[in-house]
Amino acid sequence: MNKILLFFFLISLFACNKDSLPKLIGRWELKKSINGFTGAVTNHPPNNGTVLEFSAYTYKRFSAGTLAKSGVYKTVKDRSSLTGETGNRIIYDNETDLVRFFYILENGLLSIGVDAVDGPVVVYERENSH
């Protein structure tokens, strides 16, 4: 649980510039996942096939190299119900009332966490352009 709180603390650090949102456009491969309940970290090998791909307004989620889900997304500044801090939120498929995802984009890593005390966090690494 401490790692989850650390994630949301980091959101507050990077939320200073409220005028612009980090761009997610590109392909991101799953690097690690953190269990929100236990704090256990799972490292994923390179070329694992779990990829998020963002264009300007659409996303694709691949699992084992196969398209698992696609749709539209948007990013907004929003207040975390967990920490009360303003951060960068991803809204998938215009579902504003479901699970709230916040993200941090830094040094080629995209960390996405669920806005809940026991919410998991996943970390993706930007794939190199060909």
N, C-alpha and C. Protein backbone atom coordinates (compact mmCIF):
# COMPACT_ATOMS: atom_id res chain seq x y z
N MET A 1 0.82 -1.19 0.00
CA MET A 1 0.00 0.00 0.00
C MET A 1 0.87 1.25 0.00
N ASN A 2 2.05 1.19 0.63
CA ASN A 2 2.93 2.36 0.64
C ASN A 2 3.35 2.75 -0.76
N LYS A 3 3.54 1.77 -1.66
CA LYS A 3 3.93 2.08 -3.04
C LYS A 3 2.82 2.81 -3.76
N ILE A 4 1.58 2.47 -3.44
CA ILE A 4 0.45 3.15 -4.07
C ILE A 4 0.40 4.60 -3.60
N LEU A 5 0.58 4.81 -2.31
CA LEU A 5 0.58 6.19 -1.80
C LEU A 5 1.74 6.97 -2.40
N LEU A 6 2.89 6.32 -2.58
CA LEU A 6 4.03 6.97 -3.22
C LEU A 6 3.67 7.38 -4.64
N PHE A 7 2.97 6.50 -5.37
CA PHE A 7 2.55 6.82 -6.73
C PHE A 7 1.72 8.10 -6.75
N PHE A 8 0.73 8.19 -5.85
CA PHE A 8 -0.12 9.36 -5.85
C PHE A 8 0.60 10.59 -5.32
N PHE A 9 1.59 10.41 -4.46
CA PHE A 9 2.42 11.54 -4.05
C PHE A 9 3.18 12.08 -5.25
N LEU A 10 3.70 11.17 -6.07
CA LEU A 10 4.42 11.59 -7.27
C LEU A 10 3.50 12.34 -8.22
N ILE A 11 2.24 11.92 -8.29
CA ILE A 11 1.27 12.66 -9.12
C ILE A 11 1.22 14.11 -8.69
N SER A 12 1.19 14.32 -7.37
CA SER A 12 1.08 15.70 -6.88
C SER A 12 2.33 16.51 -7.23
N LEU A 13 3.49 15.87 -7.26
CA LEU A 13 4.72 16.59 -7.61
C LEU A 13 4.72 17.05 -9.06
N PHE A 14 4.16 16.23 -9.95
CA PHE A 14 4.19 16.54 -11.37
C PHE A 14 2.94 17.29 -11.82
N ALA A 15 2.08 17.65 -10.90
CA ALA A 15 0.85 18.33 -11.27
C ALA A 15 0.98 19.85 -11.23
N CYS A 16 2.17 20.35 -11.10
CA CYS A 16 2.36 21.79 -10.96
C CYS A 16 1.94 22.56 -12.20
N ASN A 17 2.24 22.06 -13.39
CA ASN A 17 1.89 22.76 -14.62
C ASN A 17 0.49 22.33 -15.03
N LYS A 18 -0.49 23.14 -14.72
CA LYS A 18 -1.87 22.79 -14.96
C LYS A 18 -2.33 23.16 -16.37
N ASP A 19 -1.47 23.79 -17.18
CA ASP A 19 -1.87 24.24 -18.50
C ASP A 19 -1.73 23.17 -19.57
N SER A 20 -0.86 22.19 -19.37
CA SER A 20 -0.66 21.20 -20.40
C SER A 20 -0.57 19.80 -19.79
N LEU A 21 -0.98 18.83 -20.58
CA LEU A 21 -0.94 17.44 -20.15
C LEU A 21 0.14 16.71 -20.93
N PRO A 22 0.87 15.81 -20.29
CA PRO A 22 1.85 15.02 -21.03
C PRO A 22 1.18 14.20 -22.13
N LYS A 23 1.84 14.10 -23.26
CA LYS A 23 1.29 13.39 -24.41
C LYS A 23 1.58 11.89 -24.30
N LEU A 24 0.55 11.10 -24.50
CA LEU A 24 0.67 9.64 -24.40
C LEU A 24 0.90 8.98 -25.74
N ILE A 25 0.85 9.74 -26.82
CA ILE A 25 0.91 9.18 -28.16
C ILE A 25 2.15 8.30 -28.33
N GLY A 26 1.91 7.09 -28.83
CA GLY A 26 2.98 6.13 -29.06
C GLY A 26 2.60 4.75 -28.57
N ARG A 27 3.58 3.86 -28.60
CA ARG A 27 3.38 2.48 -28.14
C ARG A 27 4.15 2.27 -26.83
N TRP A 28 3.50 1.62 -25.90
CA TRP A 28 4.04 1.41 -24.56
C TRP A 28 3.94 -0.06 -24.20
N GLU A 29 5.08 -0.66 -23.83
CA GLU A 29 5.08 -2.08 -23.44
C GLU A 29 5.14 -2.21 -21.92
N LEU A 30 4.35 -3.15 -21.39
CA LEU A 30 4.31 -3.38 -19.96
C LEU A 30 5.68 -3.79 -19.43
N LYS A 31 6.14 -3.07 -18.42
CA LYS A 31 7.45 -3.33 -17.82
C LYS A 31 7.29 -3.96 -16.43
N LYS A 32 6.37 -3.42 -15.62
CA LYS A 32 6.12 -4.00 -14.31
C LYS A 32 4.73 -3.66 -13.83
N SER A 33 4.26 -4.47 -12.90
CA SER A 33 2.97 -4.21 -12.28
C SER A 33 3.13 -4.33 -10.77
N ILE A 34 2.35 -3.52 -10.05
CA ILE A 34 2.42 -3.49 -8.60
C ILE A 34 1.03 -3.80 -8.06
N ASN A 35 0.96 -4.83 -7.24
CA ASN A 35 -0.30 -5.21 -6.61
C ASN A 35 -0.63 -4.18 -5.55
N GLY A 36 -1.77 -3.54 -5.69
CA GLY A 36 -2.15 -2.47 -4.77
C GLY A 36 -2.44 -2.95 -3.36
N PHE A 37 -2.85 -4.18 -3.22
CA PHE A 37 -3.20 -4.72 -1.91
C PHE A 37 -1.96 -5.17 -1.15
N THR A 38 -1.05 -5.90 -1.83
CA THR A 38 0.13 -6.46 -1.16
C THR A 38 1.39 -5.64 -1.38
N GLY A 39 1.42 -4.83 -2.45
CA GLY A 39 2.63 -4.09 -2.79
C GLY A 39 3.64 -4.93 -3.56
N ALA A 40 3.29 -6.18 -3.88
CA ALA A 40 4.20 -7.06 -4.61
C ALA A 40 4.42 -6.52 -6.02
N VAL A 41 5.69 -6.53 -6.44
CA VAL A 41 6.07 -6.04 -7.76
C VAL A 41 6.35 -7.23 -8.68
N THR A 42 5.75 -7.21 -9.86
CA THR A 42 6.02 -8.22 -10.88
C THR A 42 6.73 -7.54 -12.03
N ASN A 43 7.94 -7.98 -12.35
CA ASN A 43 8.67 -7.47 -13.50
C ASN A 43 8.33 -8.33 -14.71
N HIS A 44 8.06 -7.69 -15.84
CA HIS A 44 7.68 -8.39 -17.06
C HIS A 44 8.84 -8.35 -18.05
N PRO A 45 9.09 -9.46 -18.74
CA PRO A 45 10.22 -9.50 -19.68
C PRO A 45 9.97 -8.64 -20.91
N PRO A 46 11.04 -8.23 -21.58
CA PRO A 46 10.88 -7.50 -22.84
C PRO A 46 10.14 -8.35 -23.87
N ASN A 47 9.47 -7.68 -24.79
CA ASN A 47 8.72 -8.35 -25.87
C ASN A 47 7.64 -9.28 -25.33
N ASN A 48 6.98 -8.85 -24.24
CA ASN A 48 5.95 -9.69 -23.63
C ASN A 48 4.60 -9.59 -24.33
N GLY A 49 4.44 -8.66 -25.27
CA GLY A 49 3.21 -8.57 -26.04
C GLY A 49 2.08 -7.81 -25.37
N THR A 50 2.30 -7.31 -24.14
CA THR A 50 1.29 -6.50 -23.46
C THR A 50 1.64 -5.04 -23.74
N VAL A 51 0.83 -4.43 -24.60
CA VAL A 51 1.15 -3.10 -25.13
C VAL A 51 -0.08 -2.21 -25.09
N LEU A 52 0.14 -0.95 -24.75
CA LEU A 52 -0.87 0.10 -24.92
C LEU A 52 -0.39 0.98 -26.06
N GLU A 53 -1.27 1.28 -26.98
CA GLU A 53 -0.93 2.15 -28.10
C GLU A 53 -1.91 3.30 -28.13
N PHE A 54 -1.38 4.53 -28.08
CA PHE A 54 -2.21 5.72 -28.09
C PHE A 54 -1.96 6.53 -29.36
N SER A 55 -3.04 6.96 -30.00
CA SER A 55 -2.95 7.99 -31.04
C SER A 55 -3.48 9.27 -30.39
N ALA A 56 -3.84 10.26 -31.18
CA ALA A 56 -4.30 11.52 -30.59
C ALA A 56 -5.57 11.33 -29.75
N TYR A 57 -6.49 10.44 -30.18
CA TYR A 57 -7.76 10.29 -29.47
C TYR A 57 -8.19 8.85 -29.25
N THR A 58 -7.45 7.89 -29.81
CA THR A 58 -7.84 6.49 -29.68
C THR A 58 -6.74 5.69 -29.01
N TYR A 59 -7.13 4.55 -28.48
CA TYR A 59 -6.16 3.65 -27.85
C TYR A 59 -6.44 2.22 -28.31
N LYS A 60 -5.39 1.40 -28.21
CA LYS A 60 -5.50 -0.04 -28.45
C LYS A 60 -4.73 -0.72 -27.33
N ARG A 61 -5.33 -1.77 -26.78
CA ARG A 61 -4.66 -2.55 -25.74
C ARG A 61 -4.44 -3.95 -26.29
N PHE A 62 -3.16 -4.37 -26.30
CA PHE A 62 -2.79 -5.68 -26.81
C PHE A 62 -2.38 -6.58 -25.64
N SER A 63 -2.78 -7.84 -25.71
CA SER A 63 -2.37 -8.84 -24.73
C SER A 63 -1.78 -10.01 -25.50
N ALA A 64 -0.57 -10.40 -25.15
CA ALA A 64 0.15 -11.46 -25.87
C ALA A 64 0.18 -11.17 -27.37
N GLY A 65 0.30 -9.89 -27.73
CA GLY A 65 0.40 -9.49 -29.12
C GLY A 65 -0.91 -9.42 -29.87
N THR A 66 -2.02 -9.76 -29.22
CA THR A 66 -3.33 -9.75 -29.86
C THR A 66 -4.16 -8.59 -29.34
N LEU A 67 -4.86 -7.91 -30.25
CA LEU A 67 -5.71 -6.79 -29.85
C LEU A 67 -6.78 -7.29 -28.90
N ALA A 68 -6.81 -6.73 -27.69
CA ALA A 68 -7.78 -7.14 -26.66
C ALA A 68 -8.90 -6.11 -26.53
N LYS A 69 -8.60 -4.83 -26.75
CA LYS A 69 -9.61 -3.78 -26.59
C LYS A 69 -9.12 -2.54 -27.32
N SER A 70 -10.07 -1.77 -27.81
CA SER A 70 -9.74 -0.48 -28.43
C SER A 70 -10.90 0.46 -28.21
N GLY A 71 -10.62 1.74 -28.35
CA GLY A 71 -11.66 2.74 -28.15
C GLY A 71 -11.09 4.13 -28.16
N VAL A 72 -11.81 5.05 -27.54
CA VAL A 72 -11.38 6.44 -27.45
C VAL A 72 -10.93 6.74 -26.03
N TYR A 73 -10.10 7.76 -25.90
CA TYR A 73 -9.66 8.18 -24.57
C TYR A 73 -9.48 9.69 -24.59
N LYS A 74 -9.42 10.24 -23.41
CA LYS A 74 -9.01 11.64 -23.27
C LYS A 74 -8.26 11.77 -21.95
N THR A 75 -7.44 12.81 -21.88
CA THR A 75 -6.70 13.09 -20.64
C THR A 75 -7.19 14.43 -20.10
N VAL A 76 -7.33 14.50 -18.80
CA VAL A 76 -7.80 15.71 -18.14
C VAL A 76 -7.05 15.90 -16.83
N LYS A 77 -7.02 17.11 -16.35
CA LYS A 77 -6.58 17.37 -14.99
C LYS A 77 -7.76 17.08 -14.08
N ASP A 78 -7.52 16.36 -12.99
CA ASP A 78 -8.61 16.00 -12.09
C ASP A 78 -8.03 15.83 -10.69
N ARG A 79 -8.90 15.89 -9.72
CA ARG A 79 -8.49 15.75 -8.32
C ARG A 79 -8.64 14.29 -7.91
N SER A 80 -7.58 13.75 -7.35
CA SER A 80 -7.61 12.38 -6.84
C SER A 80 -8.51 12.31 -5.61
N SER A 81 -9.41 11.35 -5.61
CA SER A 81 -10.25 11.18 -4.42
C SER A 81 -9.45 10.53 -3.29
N LEU A 82 -8.32 9.94 -3.61
CA LEU A 82 -7.47 9.31 -2.60
C LEU A 82 -6.60 10.34 -1.87
N THR A 83 -5.95 11.21 -2.64
CA THR A 83 -5.00 12.16 -2.03
C THR A 83 -5.53 13.59 -1.96
N GLY A 84 -6.53 13.90 -2.78
CA GLY A 84 -7.02 15.28 -2.85
C GLY A 84 -6.16 16.16 -3.74
N GLU A 85 -5.09 15.63 -4.29
CA GLU A 85 -4.19 16.39 -5.17
C GLU A 85 -4.68 16.33 -6.61
N THR A 86 -4.35 17.36 -7.39
CA THR A 86 -4.68 17.39 -8.80
C THR A 86 -3.61 16.62 -9.57
N GLY A 87 -4.07 15.78 -10.50
CA GLY A 87 -3.14 14.99 -11.30
C GLY A 87 -3.67 14.79 -12.70
N ASN A 88 -2.96 13.99 -13.48
CA ASN A 88 -3.32 13.70 -14.87
C ASN A 88 -4.15 12.42 -14.90
N ARG A 89 -5.36 12.53 -15.42
CA ARG A 89 -6.28 11.40 -15.45
C ARG A 89 -6.53 10.95 -16.88
N ILE A 90 -6.63 9.64 -17.07
CA ILE A 90 -7.04 9.07 -18.36
C ILE A 90 -8.48 8.61 -18.21
N ILE A 91 -9.31 8.99 -19.16
CA ILE A 91 -10.70 8.52 -19.20
C ILE A 91 -10.86 7.70 -20.48
N TYR A 92 -11.11 6.41 -20.31
CA TYR A 92 -11.29 5.51 -21.44
C TYR A 92 -12.76 5.44 -21.83
N ASP A 93 -13.03 5.51 -23.12
CA ASP A 93 -14.36 5.29 -23.68
C ASP A 93 -15.45 6.14 -23.04
N ASN A 94 -15.09 7.36 -22.64
CA ASN A 94 -16.03 8.32 -22.04
C ASN A 94 -16.71 7.80 -20.77
N GLU A 95 -16.08 6.85 -20.09
CA GLU A 95 -16.63 6.27 -18.86
C GLU A 95 -16.14 7.05 -17.66
N THR A 96 -16.76 8.17 -17.38
CA THR A 96 -16.30 9.05 -16.30
C THR A 96 -16.70 8.56 -14.92
N ASP A 97 -17.67 7.65 -14.84
CA ASP A 97 -18.16 7.21 -13.53
C ASP A 97 -17.59 5.88 -13.08
N LEU A 98 -16.73 5.27 -13.89
CA LEU A 98 -16.16 3.97 -13.52
C LEU A 98 -14.82 4.18 -12.82
N VAL A 99 -13.95 3.22 -12.93
CA VAL A 99 -12.63 3.27 -12.31
C VAL A 99 -11.88 4.50 -12.79
N ARG A 100 -11.26 5.21 -11.85
CA ARG A 100 -10.50 6.41 -12.17
C ARG A 100 -9.01 6.06 -12.26
N PHE A 101 -8.41 6.33 -13.42
CA PHE A 101 -6.99 6.06 -13.66
C PHE A 101 -6.24 7.38 -13.72
N PHE A 102 -5.13 7.47 -12.98
CA PHE A 102 -4.24 8.61 -13.04
C PHE A 102 -2.89 8.13 -13.56
N TYR A 103 -2.17 9.03 -14.23
CA TYR A 103 -0.89 8.62 -14.82
C TYR A 103 0.20 9.65 -14.59
N ILE A 104 1.42 9.13 -14.66
CA ILE A 104 2.64 9.94 -14.64
C ILE A 104 3.47 9.51 -15.84
N LEU A 105 3.99 10.47 -16.57
CA LEU A 105 4.83 10.20 -17.73
C LEU A 105 6.18 10.86 -17.48
N GLU A 106 7.22 10.04 -17.36
CA GLU A 106 8.54 10.58 -17.07
C GLU A 106 9.63 9.62 -17.53
N ASN A 107 10.64 10.18 -18.20
CA ASN A 107 11.83 9.42 -18.62
C ASN A 107 11.48 8.17 -19.41
N GLY A 108 10.52 8.28 -20.32
CA GLY A 108 10.16 7.15 -21.16
C GLY A 108 9.32 6.09 -20.46
N LEU A 109 8.87 6.37 -19.25
CA LEU A 109 8.01 5.43 -18.52
C LEU A 109 6.64 6.06 -18.31
N LEU A 110 5.62 5.25 -18.46
CA LEU A 110 4.24 5.64 -18.24
C LEU A 110 3.69 4.80 -17.09
N SER A 111 3.41 5.44 -15.97
CA SER A 111 2.85 4.75 -14.80
C SER A 111 1.38 5.10 -14.70
N ILE A 112 0.54 4.06 -14.63
CA ILE A 112 -0.91 4.26 -14.54
C ILE A 112 -1.40 3.56 -13.28
N GLY A 113 -2.09 4.32 -12.44
CA GLY A 113 -2.60 3.77 -11.19
C GLY A 113 -4.08 4.00 -11.03
N VAL A 114 -4.71 3.08 -10.31
CA VAL A 114 -6.13 3.21 -9.99
C VAL A 114 -6.26 4.10 -8.75
N ASP A 115 -7.17 5.03 -8.79
CA ASP A 115 -7.38 6.00 -7.71
C ASP A 115 -8.17 5.33 -6.57
N ALA A 116 -7.49 4.43 -5.86
CA ALA A 116 -8.10 3.72 -4.73
C ALA A 116 -6.99 3.28 -3.79
N VAL A 117 -7.32 3.11 -2.52
CA VAL A 117 -6.32 2.73 -1.51
C VAL A 117 -5.59 1.46 -1.90
N ASP A 118 -6.29 0.46 -2.40
CA ASP A 118 -5.65 -0.80 -2.76
C ASP A 118 -5.54 -0.97 -4.28
N GLY A 119 -5.57 0.15 -5.01
CA GLY A 119 -5.52 0.11 -6.46
C GLY A 119 -4.15 -0.28 -7.00
N PRO A 120 -4.12 -1.10 -8.04
CA PRO A 120 -2.85 -1.50 -8.65
C PRO A 120 -2.23 -0.37 -9.47
N VAL A 121 -0.95 -0.53 -9.75
CA VAL A 121 -0.21 0.39 -10.62
C VAL A 121 0.50 -0.46 -11.67
N VAL A 122 0.47 -0.01 -12.92
CA VAL A 122 1.23 -0.66 -13.98
C VAL A 122 2.19 0.36 -14.57
N VAL A 123 3.36 -0.12 -14.95
CA VAL A 123 4.38 0.75 -15.53
C VAL A 123 4.72 0.23 -16.91
N TYR A 124 4.60 1.11 -17.89
CA TYR A 124 4.92 0.79 -19.28
C TYR A 124 6.16 1.57 -19.70
N GLU A 125 6.90 1.00 -20.64
CA GLU A 125 8.06 1.66 -21.21
C GLU A 125 7.78 1.98 -22.67
N ARG A 126 8.13 3.21 -23.06
CA ARG A 126 7.89 3.62 -24.46
C ARG A 126 8.73 2.74 -25.38
N GLU A 127 8.07 2.22 -26.42
CA GLU A 127 8.80 1.44 -27.43
C GLU A 127 9.54 2.40 -28.34
N ASN A 128 10.70 1.98 -28.81
CA ASN A 128 11.47 2.81 -29.73
C ASN A 128 10.76 2.90 -31.06
N SER A 129 10.85 4.05 -31.70
CA SER A 129 10.28 4.22 -33.05
C SER A 129 11.15 3.49 -34.04
N HIS A 130 10.52 2.97 -35.07
CA HIS A 130 11.27 2.26 -36.11
C HIS A 130 11.53 3.16 -37.28
